[in-house]
All heavy atoms as atom14 arrays in JSON, in Angstrom:
{
  "sequence": "GIIWSYIYHPQIGILNFLLDAVGLESWKKAWLSDKSVSMFALTVPIIW",
  "atom14_mask": [
    [1, 1, 1, 1, 0, 0, 0, 0, 0, 0, 0, 0, 0, 0],
    [1, 1, 1, 1, 1, 1, 1, 1, 0, 0, 0, 0, 0, 0],
    [1, 1, 1, 1, 1, 1, 1, 1, 0, 0, 0, 0, 0, 0],
    [1, 1, 1, 1, 1, 1, 1, 1, 1, 1, 1, 1, 1, 1],
    [1, 1, 1, 1, 1, 1, 0, 0, 0, 0, 0, 0, 0, 0],
    [1, 1, 1, 1, 1, 1, 1, 1, 1, 1, 1, 1, 0, 0],
    [1, 1, 1, 1, 1, 1, 1, 1, 0, 0, 0, 0, 0, 0],
    [1, 1, 1, 1, 1, 1, 1, 1, 1, 1, 1, 1, 0, 0],
    [1, 1, 1, 1, 1, 1, 1, 1, 1, 1, 0, 0, 0, 0],
    [1, 1, 1, 1, 1, 1, 1, 0, 0, 0, 0, 0, 0, 0],
    [1, 1, 1, 1, 1, 1, 1, 1, 1, 0, 0, 0, 0, 0],
    [1, 1, 1, 1, 1, 1, 1, 1, 0, 0, 0, 0, 0, 0],
    [1, 1, 1, 1, 0, 0, 0, 0, 0, 0, 0, 0, 0, 0],
    [1, 1, 1, 1, 1, 1, 1, 1, 0, 0, 0, 0, 0, 0],
    [1, 1, 1, 1, 1, 1, 1, 1, 0, 0, 0, 0, 0, 0],
    [1, 1, 1, 1, 1, 1, 1, 1, 0, 0, 0, 0, 0, 0],
    [1, 1, 1, 1, 1, 1, 1, 1, 1, 1, 1, 0, 0, 0],
    [1, 1, 1, 1, 1, 1, 1, 1, 0, 0, 0, 0, 0, 0],
    [1, 1, 1, 1, 1, 1, 1, 1, 0, 0, 0, 0, 0, 0],
    [1, 1, 1, 1, 1, 1, 1, 1, 0, 0, 0, 0, 0, 0],
    [1, 1, 1, 1, 1, 0, 0, 0, 0, 0, 0, 0, 0, 0],
    [1, 1, 1, 1, 1, 1, 1, 0, 0, 0, 0, 0, 0, 0],
    [1, 1, 1, 1, 0, 0, 0, 0, 0, 0, 0, 0, 0, 0],
    [1, 1, 1, 1, 1, 1, 1, 1, 0, 0, 0, 0, 0, 0],
    [1, 1, 1, 1, 1, 1, 1, 1, 1, 0, 0, 0, 0, 0],
    [1, 1, 1, 1, 1, 1, 0, 0, 0, 0, 0, 0, 0, 0],
    [1, 1, 1, 1, 1, 1, 1, 1, 1, 1, 1, 1, 1, 1],
    [1, 1, 1, 1, 1, 1, 1, 1, 1, 0, 0, 0, 0, 0],
    [1, 1, 1, 1, 1, 1, 1, 1, 1, 0, 0, 0, 0, 0],
    [1, 1, 1, 1, 1, 0, 0, 0, 0, 0, 0, 0, 0, 0],
    [1, 1, 1, 1, 1, 1, 1, 1, 1, 1, 1, 1, 1, 1],
    [1, 1, 1, 1, 1, 1, 1, 1, 0, 0, 0, 0, 0, 0],
    [1, 1, 1, 1, 1, 1, 0, 0, 0, 0, 0, 0, 0, 0],
    [1, 1, 1, 1, 1, 1, 1, 1, 0, 0, 0, 0, 0, 0],
    [1, 1, 1, 1, 1, 1, 1, 1, 1, 0, 0, 0, 0, 0],
    [1, 1, 1, 1, 1, 1, 0, 0, 0, 0, 0, 0, 0, 0],
    [1, 1, 1, 1, 1, 1, 1, 0, 0, 0, 0, 0, 0, 0],
    [1, 1, 1, 1, 1, 1, 0, 0, 0, 0, 0, 0, 0, 0],
    [1, 1, 1, 1, 1, 1, 1, 1, 0, 0, 0, 0, 0, 0],
    [1, 1, 1, 1, 1, 1, 1, 1, 1, 1, 1, 0, 0, 0],
    [1, 1, 1, 1, 1, 0, 0, 0, 0, 0, 0, 0, 0, 0],
    [1, 1, 1, 1, 1, 1, 1, 1, 0, 0, 0, 0, 0, 0],
    [1, 1, 1, 1, 1, 1, 1, 0, 0, 0, 0, 0, 0, 0],
    [1, 1, 1, 1, 1, 1, 1, 0, 0, 0, 0, 0, 0, 0],
    [1, 1, 1, 1, 1, 1, 1, 0, 0, 0, 0, 0, 0, 0],
    [1, 1, 1, 1, 1, 1, 1, 1, 0, 0, 0, 0, 0, 0],
    [1, 1, 1, 1, 1, 1, 1, 1, 0, 0, 0, 0, 0, 0],
    [1, 1, 1, 1, 1, 1, 1, 1, 1, 1, 1, 1, 1, 1]
  ],
  "atom14_positions": [
    [[-12.33, 4.46, -3.55], [-10.99, 5.09, -3.77], [-10.46, 5.65, -2.53], [-9.26, 5.51, -2.25], [0.0, 0.0, 0.0], [0.0, 0.0, 0.0], [0.0, 0.0, 0.0], [0.0, 0.0, 0.0], [0.0, 0.0, 0.0], [0.0, 0.0, 0.0], [0.0, 0.0, 0.0], [0.0, 0.0, 0.0], [0.0, 0.0, 0.0], [0.0, 0.0, 0.0]],
    [[-11.19, 6.41, -1.69], [-10.72, 6.93, -0.49], [-10.39, 5.85, 0.51], [-9.33, 6.01, 1.13], [-11.85, 7.89, 0.14], [-12.07, 9.05, -0.73], [-11.46, 8.3, 1.53], [-13.23, 9.94, -0.32], [0.0, 0.0, 0.0], [0.0, 0.0, 0.0], [0.0, 0.0, 0.0], [0.0, 0.0, 0.0], [0.0, 0.0, 0.0], [0.0, 0.0, 0.0]],
    [[-11.15, 4.8, 0.65], [-10.81, 3.73, 1.57], [-9.41, 3.16, 1.19], [-8.57, 2.91, 2.04], [-11.93, 2.62, 1.51], [-13.25, 3.13, 2.18], [-11.38, 1.35, 2.23], [-14.33, 2.14, 1.98], [0.0, 0.0, 0.0], [0.0, 0.0, 0.0], [0.0, 0.0, 0.0], [0.0, 0.0, 0.0], [0.0, 0.0, 0.0], [0.0, 0.0, 0.0]],
    [[-9.28, 2.82, -0.06], [-8.01, 2.18, -0.51], [-6.81, 3.15, -0.52], [-5.64, 2.74, -0.32], [-8.16, 1.54, -1.83], [-8.85, 0.16, -1.77], [-10.13, -0.08, -1.86], [-8.16, -1.06, -1.5], [-10.37, -1.42, -1.67], [-9.21, -2.05, -1.47], [-6.85, -1.5, -1.38], [-8.84, -3.38, -1.23], [-6.55, -2.72, -1.11], [-7.57, -3.73, -1.07]],
    [[-7.11, 4.48, -0.64], [-6.03, 5.44, -0.47], [-5.49, 5.46, 0.94], [-4.27, 5.56, 1.08], [-6.57, 6.82, -0.85], [-6.9, 6.94, -2.16], [0.0, 0.0, 0.0], [0.0, 0.0, 0.0], [0.0, 0.0, 0.0], [0.0, 0.0, 0.0], [0.0, 0.0, 0.0], [0.0, 0.0, 0.0], [0.0, 0.0, 0.0], [0.0, 0.0, 0.0]],
    [[-6.39, 5.28, 1.94], [-5.87, 5.17, 3.25], [-5.23, 3.9, 3.61], [-4.21, 3.79, 4.34], [-7.08, 5.42, 4.27], [-7.46, 6.86, 4.54], [-8.63, 7.39, 3.95], [-6.58, 7.66, 5.22], [-8.95, 8.69, 4.17], [-6.94, 9.0, 5.49], [-8.09, 9.5, 4.93], [-8.39, 10.84, 5.17], [0.0, 0.0, 0.0], [0.0, 0.0, 0.0]],
    [[-5.69, 2.8, 2.94], [-4.98, 1.51, 3.16], [-3.59, 1.58, 2.64], [-2.61, 1.0, 3.25], [-5.77, 0.38, 2.41], [-7.13, 0.12, 3.09], [-4.97, -0.92, 2.27], [-7.99, -0.85, 2.38], [0.0, 0.0, 0.0], [0.0, 0.0, 0.0], [0.0, 0.0, 0.0], [0.0, 0.0, 0.0], [0.0, 0.0, 0.0], [0.0, 0.0, 0.0]],
    [[-3.35, 2.29, 1.44], [-2.05, 2.35, 0.84], [-1.22, 3.56, 1.38], [-0.07, 3.73, 0.92], [-2.14, 2.5, -0.71], [-2.54, 1.2, -1.4], [-3.48, 1.23, -2.36], [-1.91, 0.09, -1.07], [-3.86, 0.07, -3.13], [-2.22, -1.12, -1.81], [-3.15, -1.06, -2.84], [-3.45, -2.24, -3.5], [0.0, 0.0, 0.0], [0.0, 0.0, 0.0]],
    [[-1.75, 4.35, 2.27], [-1.05, 5.54, 2.72], [0.28, 5.14, 3.33], [0.36, 4.21, 4.21], [-1.87, 6.21, 3.8], [-1.41, 7.68, 3.98], [-0.3, 7.92, 4.87], [-1.87, 8.87, 3.59], [-0.11, 9.21, 4.91], [-1.04, 9.83, 4.18], [0.0, 0.0, 0.0], [0.0, 0.0, 0.0], [0.0, 0.0, 0.0], [0.0, 0.0, 0.0]],
    [[1.45, 5.83, 2.95], [2.83, 5.37, 3.38], [2.96, 5.56, 4.92], [3.74, 4.8, 5.43], [3.69, 6.26, 2.56], [2.88, 7.46, 2.16], [1.49, 6.9, 1.96], [0.0, 0.0, 0.0], [0.0, 0.0, 0.0], [0.0, 0.0, 0.0], [0.0, 0.0, 0.0], [0.0, 0.0, 0.0], [0.0, 0.0, 0.0], [0.0, 0.0, 0.0]],
    [[2.29, 6.52, 5.49], [2.59, 6.73, 6.98], [1.5, 6.06, 7.85], [1.77, 5.37, 8.86], [2.53, 8.22, 7.25], [3.88, 8.87, 6.96], [4.13, 9.23, 5.49], [3.14, 9.69, 4.89], [5.26, 8.98, 5.0], [0.0, 0.0, 0.0], [0.0, 0.0, 0.0], [0.0, 0.0, 0.0], [0.0, 0.0, 0.0], [0.0, 0.0, 0.0]],
    [[0.25, 6.24, 7.48], [-0.78, 5.82, 8.4], [-1.65, 4.62, 7.79], [-2.62, 4.18, 8.29], [-1.83, 6.88, 8.72], [-2.45, 7.47, 7.47], [-1.12, 8.05, 9.48], [-3.59, 8.5, 7.7], [0.0, 0.0, 0.0], [0.0, 0.0, 0.0], [0.0, 0.0, 0.0], [0.0, 0.0, 0.0], [0.0, 0.0, 0.0], [0.0, 0.0, 0.0]],
    [[-1.2, 4.11, 6.59], [-1.9, 3.04, 5.92], [-1.75, 1.71, 6.65], [-0.74, 1.35, 7.2], [0.0, 0.0, 0.0], [0.0, 0.0, 0.0], [0.0, 0.0, 0.0], [0.0, 0.0, 0.0], [0.0, 0.0, 0.0], [0.0, 0.0, 0.0], [0.0, 0.0, 0.0], [0.0, 0.0, 0.0], [0.0, 0.0, 0.0], [0.0, 0.0, 0.0]],
    [[-2.89, 0.88, 6.62], [-2.91, -0.38, 7.29], [-1.96, -1.34, 6.68], [-1.43, -2.3, 7.3], [-4.29, -0.9, 7.42], [-4.41, -2.12, 8.29], [-4.9, -1.2, 6.01], [-5.78, -2.62, 8.57], [0.0, 0.0, 0.0], [0.0, 0.0, 0.0], [0.0, 0.0, 0.0], [0.0, 0.0, 0.0], [0.0, 0.0, 0.0], [0.0, 0.0, 0.0]],
    [[-1.76, -1.26, 5.34], [-0.88, -2.24, 4.65], [0.52, -2.11, 5.13], [1.14, -3.14, 5.51], [-0.93, -2.05, 3.11], [-0.07, -2.89, 2.28], [-0.36, -4.38, 2.54], [-0.2, -2.61, 0.76], [0.0, 0.0, 0.0], [0.0, 0.0, 0.0], [0.0, 0.0, 0.0], [0.0, 0.0, 0.0], [0.0, 0.0, 0.0], [0.0, 0.0, 0.0]],
    [[1.11, -0.95, 5.16], [2.53, -0.8, 5.78], [2.55, -1.17, 7.18], [3.52, -1.63, 7.66], [2.98, 0.58, 5.46], [3.49, 0.85, 4.05], [3.66, -0.06, 3.32], [3.64, 2.1, 3.64], [0.0, 0.0, 0.0], [0.0, 0.0, 0.0], [0.0, 0.0, 0.0], [0.0, 0.0, 0.0], [0.0, 0.0, 0.0], [0.0, 0.0, 0.0]],
    [[1.49, -0.76, 7.88], [1.48, -1.22, 9.36], [1.52, -2.69, 9.52], [2.26, -3.23, 10.35], [0.17, -0.69, 9.96], [-0.07, -1.12, 11.37], [0.56, -0.5, 12.47], [-0.97, -2.18, 11.68], [0.45, -0.88, 13.78], [-1.15, -2.55, 12.98], [-0.38, -1.92, 14.03], [0.0, 0.0, 0.0], [0.0, 0.0, 0.0], [0.0, 0.0, 0.0]],
    [[0.79, -3.49, 8.7], [0.78, -4.91, 8.78], [2.14, -5.53, 8.36], [2.67, -6.45, 8.99], [-0.3, -5.52, 7.93], [-1.78, -5.24, 8.42], [-2.76, -5.85, 7.41], [-1.97, -5.91, 9.81], [0.0, 0.0, 0.0], [0.0, 0.0, 0.0], [0.0, 0.0, 0.0], [0.0, 0.0, 0.0], [0.0, 0.0, 0.0], [0.0, 0.0, 0.0]],
    [[2.76, -4.97, 7.31], [4.07, -5.34, 6.94], [5.16, -5.15, 8.07], [5.96, -5.98, 8.27], [4.46, -4.62, 5.63], [3.74, -5.02, 4.3], [4.13, -4.06, 3.18], [3.95, -6.49, 3.97], [0.0, 0.0, 0.0], [0.0, 0.0, 0.0], [0.0, 0.0, 0.0], [0.0, 0.0, 0.0], [0.0, 0.0, 0.0], [0.0, 0.0, 0.0]],
    [[4.97, -4.0, 8.69], [5.82, -3.72, 9.8], [5.7, -4.69, 10.92], [6.62, -5.06, 11.61], [5.62, -2.27, 10.25], [6.81, -1.71, 11.1], [7.88, -2.23, 10.99], [6.51, -0.75, 11.89], [0.0, 0.0, 0.0], [0.0, 0.0, 0.0], [0.0, 0.0, 0.0], [0.0, 0.0, 0.0], [0.0, 0.0, 0.0], [0.0, 0.0, 0.0]],
    [[4.41, -5.05, 11.18], [4.06, -5.84, 12.33], [4.64, -7.31, 12.13], [4.91, -7.97, 13.11], [2.55, -5.92, 12.55], [0.0, 0.0, 0.0], [0.0, 0.0, 0.0], [0.0, 0.0, 0.0], [0.0, 0.0, 0.0], [0.0, 0.0, 0.0], [0.0, 0.0, 0.0], [0.0, 0.0, 0.0], [0.0, 0.0, 0.0], [0.0, 0.0, 0.0]],
    [[4.65, -7.8, 10.9], [5.2, -9.1, 10.65], [6.63, -9.18, 10.27], [7.14, -10.22, 9.82], [4.21, -9.82, 9.58], [2.82, -9.98, 10.04], [4.4, -9.07, 8.26], [0.0, 0.0, 0.0], [0.0, 0.0, 0.0], [0.0, 0.0, 0.0], [0.0, 0.0, 0.0], [0.0, 0.0, 0.0], [0.0, 0.0, 0.0], [0.0, 0.0, 0.0]],
    [[7.31, -8.07, 10.37], [8.75, -8.02, 10.18], [9.18, -7.91, 8.77], [10.26, -8.32, 8.42], [0.0, 0.0, 0.0], [0.0, 0.0, 0.0], [0.0, 0.0, 0.0], [0.0, 0.0, 0.0], [0.0, 0.0, 0.0], [0.0, 0.0, 0.0], [0.0, 0.0, 0.0], [0.0, 0.0, 0.0], [0.0, 0.0, 0.0], [0.0, 0.0, 0.0]],
    [[8.28, -7.39, 7.94], [8.64, -7.19, 6.52], [8.78, -5.7, 6.23], [8.26, -5.16, 5.2], [7.57, -7.84, 5.58], [7.38, -9.31, 5.73], [6.22, -9.77, 4.95], [8.65, -10.06, 5.3], [0.0, 0.0, 0.0], [0.0, 0.0, 0.0], [0.0, 0.0, 0.0], [0.0, 0.0, 0.0], [0.0, 0.0, 0.0], [0.0, 0.0, 0.0]],
    [[9.56, -5.0, 7.07], [9.75, -3.61, 6.81], [10.28, -3.27, 5.52], [9.99, -2.16, 4.91], [10.69, -2.98, 7.91], [10.15, -3.12, 9.36], [10.53, -4.41, 10.03], [11.06, -5.28, 9.23], [10.36, -4.52, 11.24], [0.0, 0.0, 0.0], [0.0, 0.0, 0.0], [0.0, 0.0, 0.0], [0.0, 0.0, 0.0], [0.0, 0.0, 0.0]],
    [[11.14, -4.08, 4.9], [11.7, -3.77, 3.6], [10.69, -3.78, 2.45], [10.99, -3.33, 1.38], [12.79, -4.84, 3.35], [12.28, -6.14, 3.25], [0.0, 0.0, 0.0], [0.0, 0.0, 0.0], [0.0, 0.0, 0.0], [0.0, 0.0, 0.0], [0.0, 0.0, 0.0], [0.0, 0.0, 0.0], [0.0, 0.0, 0.0], [0.0, 0.0, 0.0]],
    [[9.53, -4.35, 2.74], [8.51, -4.37, 1.73], [7.7, -3.12, 1.74], [6.86, -2.87, 0.79], [7.57, -5.59, 1.92], [8.28, -6.89, 1.57], [9.56, -7.21, 1.55], [7.58, -8.11, 1.27], [9.83, -8.47, 1.23], [8.61, -9.1, 1.02], [6.28, -8.55, 1.1], [8.31, -10.4, 0.63], [6.02, -9.82, 0.7], [6.96, -10.71, 0.56]],
    [[7.83, -2.27, 2.77], [7.01, -1.13, 2.81], [7.27, -0.1, 1.7], [8.47, 0.09, 1.36], [7.18, -0.39, 4.21], [6.73, -1.21, 5.41], [7.18, -0.68, 6.68], [6.72, 0.74, 6.95], [7.14, 1.25, 8.29], [0.0, 0.0, 0.0], [0.0, 0.0, 0.0], [0.0, 0.0, 0.0], [0.0, 0.0, 0.0], [0.0, 0.0, 0.0]],
    [[6.25, 0.49, 1.18], [6.4, 1.42, 0.04], [5.39, 2.43, 0.13], [4.4, 2.43, 0.81], [6.32, 0.7, -1.3], [7.35, -0.38, -1.64], [7.11, -1.02, -3.01], [8.16, -2.03, -3.24], [9.55, -1.45, -3.44], [0.0, 0.0, 0.0], [0.0, 0.0, 0.0], [0.0, 0.0, 0.0], [0.0, 0.0, 0.0], [0.0, 0.0, 0.0]],
    [[5.72, 3.54, -0.64], [4.69, 4.52, -0.93], [3.96, 4.04, -2.11], [4.23, 4.38, -3.3], [5.33, 5.93, -1.19], [0.0, 0.0, 0.0], [0.0, 0.0, 0.0], [0.0, 0.0, 0.0], [0.0, 0.0, 0.0], [0.0, 0.0, 0.0], [0.0, 0.0, 0.0], [0.0, 0.0, 0.0], [0.0, 0.0, 0.0], [0.0, 0.0, 0.0]],
    [[2.88, 3.2, -1.94], [2.27, 2.34, -2.95], [1.69, 3.17, -4.14], [1.78, 2.7, -5.25], [1.27, 1.49, -2.35], [1.77, 0.58, -1.29], [1.77, 0.73, 0.09], [2.43, -0.68, -1.51], [2.47, -0.35, 0.66], [2.8, -1.22, -0.3], [2.67, -1.43, -2.66], [3.46, -2.45, -0.16], [3.33, -2.63, -2.52], [3.67, -3.12, -1.3]],
    [[1.22, 4.34, -3.85], [0.53, 5.13, -4.91], [1.46, 6.11, -5.55], [1.02, 6.8, -6.54], [-0.73, 5.76, -4.37], [-1.8, 4.85, -3.88], [-3.02, 5.58, -3.38], [-2.22, 3.76, -4.99], [0.0, 0.0, 0.0], [0.0, 0.0, 0.0], [0.0, 0.0, 0.0], [0.0, 0.0, 0.0], [0.0, 0.0, 0.0], [0.0, 0.0, 0.0]],
    [[2.61, 6.35, -5.01], [3.45, 7.41, -5.54], [4.83, 6.75, -6.1], [5.63, 7.49, -6.63], [3.81, 8.46, -4.53], [4.33, 7.87, -3.39], [0.0, 0.0, 0.0], [0.0, 0.0, 0.0], [0.0, 0.0, 0.0], [0.0, 0.0, 0.0], [0.0, 0.0, 0.0], [0.0, 0.0, 0.0], [0.0, 0.0, 0.0], [0.0, 0.0, 0.0]],
    [[4.99, 5.48, -5.93], [6.15, 4.81, -6.46], [5.82, 4.27, -7.87], [4.92, 3.41, -7.99], [6.56, 3.62, -5.56], [7.83, 2.93, -5.99], [8.2, 3.04, -7.16], [8.43, 2.26, -5.15], [0.0, 0.0, 0.0], [0.0, 0.0, 0.0], [0.0, 0.0, 0.0], [0.0, 0.0, 0.0], [0.0, 0.0, 0.0], [0.0, 0.0, 0.0]],
    [[6.43, 4.81, -8.93], [6.01, 4.41, -10.29], [6.2, 3.03, -10.59], [5.54, 2.43, -11.5], [6.86, 5.38, -11.22], [6.5, 6.79, -11.22], [7.09, 7.55, -12.41], [8.62, 7.63, -12.37], [9.13, 8.38, -13.45], [0.0, 0.0, 0.0], [0.0, 0.0, 0.0], [0.0, 0.0, 0.0], [0.0, 0.0, 0.0], [0.0, 0.0, 0.0]],
    [[7.06, 2.34, -9.87], [7.39, 0.97, -10.22], [6.22, -0.01, -9.73], [6.1, -1.1, -10.19], [8.67, 0.45, -9.55], [8.62, 0.55, -8.1], [0.0, 0.0, 0.0], [0.0, 0.0, 0.0], [0.0, 0.0, 0.0], [0.0, 0.0, 0.0], [0.0, 0.0, 0.0], [0.0, 0.0, 0.0], [0.0, 0.0, 0.0], [0.0, 0.0, 0.0]],
    [[5.4, 0.43, -8.75], [4.35, -0.47, -8.19], [2.96, 0.19, -8.24], [1.98, -0.49, -7.98], [4.73, -0.85, -6.77], [6.0, -1.66, -6.74], [4.79, 0.35, -5.83], [0.0, 0.0, 0.0], [0.0, 0.0, 0.0], [0.0, 0.0, 0.0], [0.0, 0.0, 0.0], [0.0, 0.0, 0.0], [0.0, 0.0, 0.0], [0.0, 0.0, 0.0]],
    [[2.81, 1.48, -8.5], [1.59, 2.12, -8.29], [0.46, 1.53, -9.23], [-0.66, 1.32, -8.74], [1.7, 3.59, -8.62], [2.29, 3.84, -9.94], [0.0, 0.0, 0.0], [0.0, 0.0, 0.0], [0.0, 0.0, 0.0], [0.0, 0.0, 0.0], [0.0, 0.0, 0.0], [0.0, 0.0, 0.0], [0.0, 0.0, 0.0], [0.0, 0.0, 0.0]],
    [[0.8, 1.21, -10.48], [-0.27, 0.65, -11.32], [-0.77, -0.72, -10.86], [-1.89, -1.06, -10.91], [0.29, 0.55, -12.82], [-0.79, 0.32, -13.85], [-2.01, 1.63, -13.85], [-3.56, 0.75, -13.67], [0.0, 0.0, 0.0], [0.0, 0.0, 0.0], [0.0, 0.0, 0.0], [0.0, 0.0, 0.0], [0.0, 0.0, 0.0], [0.0, 0.0, 0.0]],
    [[0.24, -1.54, -10.41], [-0.17, -2.85, -9.97], [-0.9, -2.81, -8.59], [-1.78, -3.58, -8.35], [1.16, -3.77, -9.77], [1.83, -3.98, -11.07], [3.01, -3.22, -11.44], [1.42, -4.9, -12.04], [3.61, -3.39, -12.57], [2.05, -5.09, -13.19], [3.18, -4.39, -13.53], [0.0, 0.0, 0.0], [0.0, 0.0, 0.0], [0.0, 0.0, 0.0]],
    [[-0.56, -1.81, -7.8], [-1.28, -1.63, -6.57], [-2.68, -1.24, -6.79], [-3.6, -1.66, -6.05], [-0.63, -0.57, -5.67], [0.0, 0.0, 0.0], [0.0, 0.0, 0.0], [0.0, 0.0, 0.0], [0.0, 0.0, 0.0], [0.0, 0.0, 0.0], [0.0, 0.0, 0.0], [0.0, 0.0, 0.0], [0.0, 0.0, 0.0], [0.0, 0.0, 0.0]],
    [[-2.96, -0.51, -7.9], [-4.31, -0.03, -8.25], [-5.19, -1.19, -8.75], [-6.47, -1.11, -8.62], [-4.29, 1.06, -9.19], [-3.85, 2.41, -8.7], [-3.61, 3.35, -9.83], [-4.81, 3.0, -7.74], [0.0, 0.0, 0.0], [0.0, 0.0, 0.0], [0.0, 0.0, 0.0], [0.0, 0.0, 0.0], [0.0, 0.0, 0.0], [0.0, 0.0, 0.0]],
    [[-4.63, -2.26, -9.17], [-5.41, -3.35, -9.74], [-6.09, -4.14, -8.66], [-7.18, -4.7, -8.78], [-4.53, -4.34, -10.53], [-3.47, -4.93, -9.67], [-3.9, -3.73, -11.69], [0.0, 0.0, 0.0], [0.0, 0.0, 0.0], [0.0, 0.0, 0.0], [0.0, 0.0, 0.0], [0.0, 0.0, 0.0], [0.0, 0.0, 0.0], [0.0, 0.0, 0.0]],
    [[-5.54, -4.04, -7.39], [-6.17, -4.81, -6.29], [-7.57, -4.25, -5.95], [-8.55, -5.0, -5.84], [-5.26, -4.77, -5.0], [-5.89, -5.47, -3.89], [-3.9, -5.48, -5.4], [0.0, 0.0, 0.0], [0.0, 0.0, 0.0], [0.0, 0.0, 0.0], [0.0, 0.0, 0.0], [0.0, 0.0, 0.0], [0.0, 0.0, 0.0], [0.0, 0.0, 0.0]],
    [[-7.71, -2.89, -5.69], [-9.09, -2.36, -5.44], [-10.03, -2.58, -6.62], [-11.21, -2.73, -6.46], [-8.82, -0.88, -5.14], [-7.47, -0.59, -5.68], [-6.71, -1.86, -5.48], [0.0, 0.0, 0.0], [0.0, 0.0, 0.0], [0.0, 0.0, 0.0], [0.0, 0.0, 0.0], [0.0, 0.0, 0.0], [0.0, 0.0, 0.0], [0.0, 0.0, 0.0]],
    [[-9.42, -2.56, -7.83], [-10.31, -2.77, -9.04], [-10.89, -4.1, -9.02], [-12.16, -4.36, -9.19], [-9.52, -2.49, -10.31], [-9.2, -1.0, -10.47], [-10.31, -2.99, -11.54], [-8.32, -0.66, -11.6], [0.0, 0.0, 0.0], [0.0, 0.0, 0.0], [0.0, 0.0, 0.0], [0.0, 0.0, 0.0], [0.0, 0.0, 0.0], [0.0, 0.0, 0.0]],
    [[-10.08, -5.18, -8.75], [-10.48, -6.51, -8.67], [-11.54, -6.7, -7.5], [-12.57, -7.28, -7.7], [-9.3, -7.5, -8.42], [-8.42, -7.52, -9.67], [-9.77, -8.9, -8.15], [-7.14, -8.32, -9.49], [0.0, 0.0, 0.0], [0.0, 0.0, 0.0], [0.0, 0.0, 0.0], [0.0, 0.0, 0.0], [0.0, 0.0, 0.0], [0.0, 0.0, 0.0]],
    [[-11.15, -6.15, -6.35], [-12.07, -6.24, -5.19], [-13.4, -5.61, -5.41], [-14.41, -6.15, -5.01], [-11.3, -5.59, -3.95], [-12.13, -5.52, -2.71], [-12.34, -6.54, -1.87], [-12.78, -4.39, -2.17], [-13.08, -6.11, -0.78], [-13.36, -4.75, -0.97], [-12.88, -3.06, -2.59], [-14.13, -3.88, -0.23], [-13.62, -2.22, -1.82], [-14.27, -2.63, -0.64]]
  ]
}
């Protein structure tokens, strides 16, 4: 849970960093605090 919390972190998370690096800034989100995507974001670490 801690590992994936850092991955999804809106400021220092690696996911938003990678999206920024490949030019997909519009896809960046606060993954765990945005009600529209938070539940779906949590399914990824559960599957993994």
